[in-house]
């Protein structure tokens, strides 16, 4: 069988290939494998309640939980800390984070342990926001009413591909 390559067949085929290539580039964003976004937010300043002296809280508040990141789909290291600030607000702080950039990467509180993050986030996982940078120190507010005792880990999760980059078990600190 002879295949005839004419303008009528080549041009539409090239257009389809160009559209597929553009879609693949949008979906996978391969250039992110070679880029780094560094974020260095300072520790959140504790805002003292009207009745509490500022010296009692100090900068950064009280540590409620802490854990070290382990790698999953991408090399990930650093520390996750849940901090209680004066007035009752709380923040999740990622310190010395180092992971890969990727499309649609987010930070979650998960009901699974860090080791189980590969199975998913678990029922009732809470998204804290888009990952601000793949390296450095960053803060994510924890919504009022979020029961931290329900969550076992923090997961850096690629929402687009449903995979964990890394996770950290949250071990409660002694009261």
Protein backbone atom coordinates (compact mmCIF):
# COMPACT_ATOMS: atom_id res chain seq x y z
CA UNK A 1 0.00 0.00 0.00
CA UNK A 2 1.36 3.36 -1.01
CA UNK A 3 0.92 6.31 1.36
CA UNK A 4 0.54 9.60 -0.37
CA UNK A 5 1.92 12.57 1.55
CA UNK A 6 0.19 15.64 0.30
CA UNK A 7 -0.31 19.07 1.69
CA UNK A 8 -3.84 18.05 2.54
CA UNK A 9 -2.64 15.31 4.92
CA UNK A 10 0.67 16.73 6.19
CA UNK A 11 -0.57 20.14 7.37
CA UNK A 12 -3.47 18.80 9.50
CA UNK A 13 -1.18 16.09 10.93
CA UNK A 14 1.42 18.72 11.90
CA UNK A 15 -1.28 20.88 13.49
CA UNK A 16 -2.52 17.94 15.56
CA UNK A 17 1.04 17.12 16.63
CA UNK A 18 1.67 20.76 17.60
CA UNK A 19 -1.52 20.84 19.69
CA UNK A 20 -0.59 17.57 21.42
CA UNK A 21 2.91 18.89 22.14
CA UNK A 22 1.51 22.14 23.58
CA UNK A 23 -0.91 20.20 25.79
CA UNK A 24 1.89 17.88 27.01
CA UNK A 25 4.09 20.87 27.83
CA UNK A 26 1.24 22.50 29.78
CA UNK A 27 0.44 19.27 31.65
CA UNK A 28 3.96 18.15 32.56
CA UNK A 29 5.83 21.49 32.65
CA UNK A 30 9.20 19.75 32.17
CA UNK A 31 11.21 22.97 32.61
CA UNK A 32 10.31 22.85 36.32
CA UNK A 33 12.82 20.01 36.72
CA UNK A 34 15.51 22.64 36.15
CA UNK A 35 14.12 25.58 38.15
CA UNK A 36 14.09 26.48 41.83
CA UNK A 37 11.87 28.88 43.76
CA UNK A 38 13.29 29.83 47.14
CA UNK A 39 11.03 31.32 49.81
CA UNK A 40 12.37 32.62 53.14
CA UNK A 41 9.46 33.82 55.24
CA UNK A 42 10.28 34.75 58.80
CA UNK A 43 8.74 33.02 61.78
CA UNK A 44 5.26 34.36 62.34
CA UNK A 45 5.20 37.03 65.00
CA UNK A 46 3.03 36.02 67.89
CA UNK A 47 0.27 38.56 68.42
CA UNK A 48 -0.37 38.59 72.14
CA UNK A 49 -3.92 38.49 73.41
CA UNK A 50 -5.03 41.62 75.23
CA UNK A 51 -4.64 39.87 78.59
CA UNK A 52 -1.33 38.09 77.88
CA UNK A 53 2.04 39.83 78.09
CA UNK A 54 4.05 39.70 74.83
CA UNK A 55 7.10 38.20 76.55
CA UNK A 56 5.25 34.98 77.37
CA UNK A 57 4.69 33.96 73.74
CA UNK A 58 7.86 35.13 72.04
CA UNK A 59 8.37 34.99 68.29
CA UNK A 60 7.00 31.90 66.63
CA UNK A 61 4.61 30.86 69.38
CA UNK A 62 4.33 27.44 70.98
CA UNK A 63 5.31 24.34 69.02
CA UNK A 64 2.35 21.96 68.88
CA UNK A 65 3.79 19.26 66.60
CA UNK A 66 6.89 18.56 64.53
CA UNK A 67 8.17 16.11 61.95
CA UNK A 68 10.96 15.51 59.42
CA UNK A 69 10.15 15.05 55.74
CA UNK A 70 10.75 11.74 54.00
CA UNK A 71 10.89 11.38 50.23
CA UNK A 72 8.23 9.81 48.06
CA UNK A 73 8.12 10.59 44.31
CA UNK A 74 10.80 13.30 44.61
CA UNK A 75 13.71 13.83 46.99
CA UNK A 76 12.26 15.89 49.84
CA UNK A 77 13.84 17.03 53.10
CA UNK A 78 13.18 19.59 55.83
CA UNK A 79 11.00 20.00 58.89
CA UNK A 80 7.28 20.66 59.34
CA UNK A 81 6.19 22.45 62.54
CA UNK A 82 2.69 23.28 63.73
CA UNK A 83 2.83 26.43 65.83
CA UNK A 84 0.19 27.89 68.12
CA UNK A 85 0.21 31.67 68.22
CA UNK A 86 -1.24 33.94 70.85
CA UNK A 87 -4.89 34.66 70.32
CA UNK A 88 -5.48 31.07 69.20
CA UNK A 89 -4.31 31.23 65.59
CA UNK A 90 -2.07 28.46 64.28
CA UNK A 91 0.34 28.09 61.42
CA UNK A 92 2.15 25.25 59.72
CA UNK A 93 5.77 26.18 59.12
CA UNK A 94 8.00 24.34 56.65
CA UNK A 95 11.66 24.88 57.48
CA UNK A 96 14.71 24.12 55.35
CA UNK A 97 12.36 22.53 52.81
CA UNK A 98 14.04 21.10 49.76
CA UNK A 99 12.00 19.30 47.09
CA UNK A 100 11.35 19.45 43.36
CA UNK A 101 9.19 22.00 41.63
CA UNK A 102 6.19 20.67 39.82
CA UNK A 103 2.84 21.60 38.39
CA UNK A 104 0.11 22.27 40.94
CA UNK A 105 2.03 21.27 44.10
CA UNK A 106 0.14 21.87 47.35
CA UNK A 107 0.54 21.42 51.11
CA UNK A 108 -1.93 19.19 52.97
CA UNK A 109 -2.63 17.94 56.45
CA UNK A 110 -3.27 14.22 56.00
CA UNK A 111 -4.99 11.56 58.08
CA UNK A 112 -2.41 9.04 56.79
CA UNK A 113 1.08 8.62 58.18
CA UNK A 114 4.02 9.88 56.13
CA UNK A 115 4.81 6.30 55.07
CA UNK A 116 1.21 5.81 53.83
CA UNK A 117 1.10 9.06 51.83
CA UNK A 118 1.73 7.08 48.64
CA UNK A 119 -1.75 5.57 49.09
CA UNK A 120 -3.33 9.02 49.10
CA UNK A 121 -4.15 11.82 51.52
CA UNK A 122 -6.87 10.00 53.43
CA UNK A 123 -10.44 11.00 54.22
CA UNK A 124 -10.79 14.52 55.54
CA UNK A 125 -7.39 15.80 54.39
CA UNK A 126 -7.11 19.60 54.57
CA UNK A 127 -5.39 21.67 51.91
CA UNK A 128 -3.38 24.54 53.39
CA UNK A 129 -2.43 26.12 50.07
CA UNK A 130 -0.19 26.00 47.02
CA UNK A 131 3.46 25.33 47.75
CA UNK A 132 5.07 28.79 47.76
CA UNK A 133 8.52 27.55 46.81
CA UNK A 134 10.36 24.27 46.55
CA UNK A 135 13.16 25.47 48.83
CA UNK A 136 13.35 27.48 52.03
CA UNK A 137 11.08 28.46 54.91
CA UNK A 138 7.38 29.15 54.54
CA UNK A 139 4.21 29.53 56.61
CA UNK A 140 0.67 28.27 55.97
CA UNK A 141 -2.24 29.36 58.18
CA UNK A 142 -4.26 26.54 59.74
CA UNK A 143 -7.96 27.38 59.72
CA UNK A 144 -9.65 27.97 63.07
CA UNK A 145 -11.51 24.86 64.20
CA UNK A 146 -9.10 22.44 62.51
CA UNK A 147 -8.53 19.59 65.00
CA UNK A 148 -4.80 18.86 64.62
CA UNK A 149 -5.15 15.62 66.60
CA UNK A 150 -7.01 14.12 63.57
CA UNK A 151 -4.01 14.56 61.28
CA UNK A 152 -0.94 12.37 61.27
CA UNK A 153 1.23 14.05 58.65
CA UNK A 154 1.96 16.98 56.37
CA UNK A 155 2.19 16.07 52.68
CA UNK A 156 3.67 18.01 49.79
CA UNK A 157 1.30 16.74 47.10
CA UNK A 158 1.08 17.18 43.33
CA UNK A 159 -2.65 17.64 42.82
CA UNK A 160 -2.46 17.34 39.04
CA UNK A 161 -0.94 13.84 39.14
CA UNK A 162 -2.16 12.73 42.61
CA UNK A 163 1.30 11.86 43.93
CA UNK A 164 3.19 12.81 47.09
CA UNK A 165 6.54 14.53 46.66
CA UNK A 166 7.30 14.00 50.36
CA UNK A 167 5.64 13.79 53.77
CA UNK A 168 6.40 14.42 57.44
CA UNK A 169 4.77 12.69 60.40
CA UNK A 170 3.47 15.19 62.94
CA UNK A 171 4.48 14.14 66.43
CA UNK A 172 2.68 16.12 69.15
CA UNK A 173 4.97 18.00 71.51
CA UNK A 174 4.74 17.48 75.26
CA UNK A 175 2.39 19.99 76.81
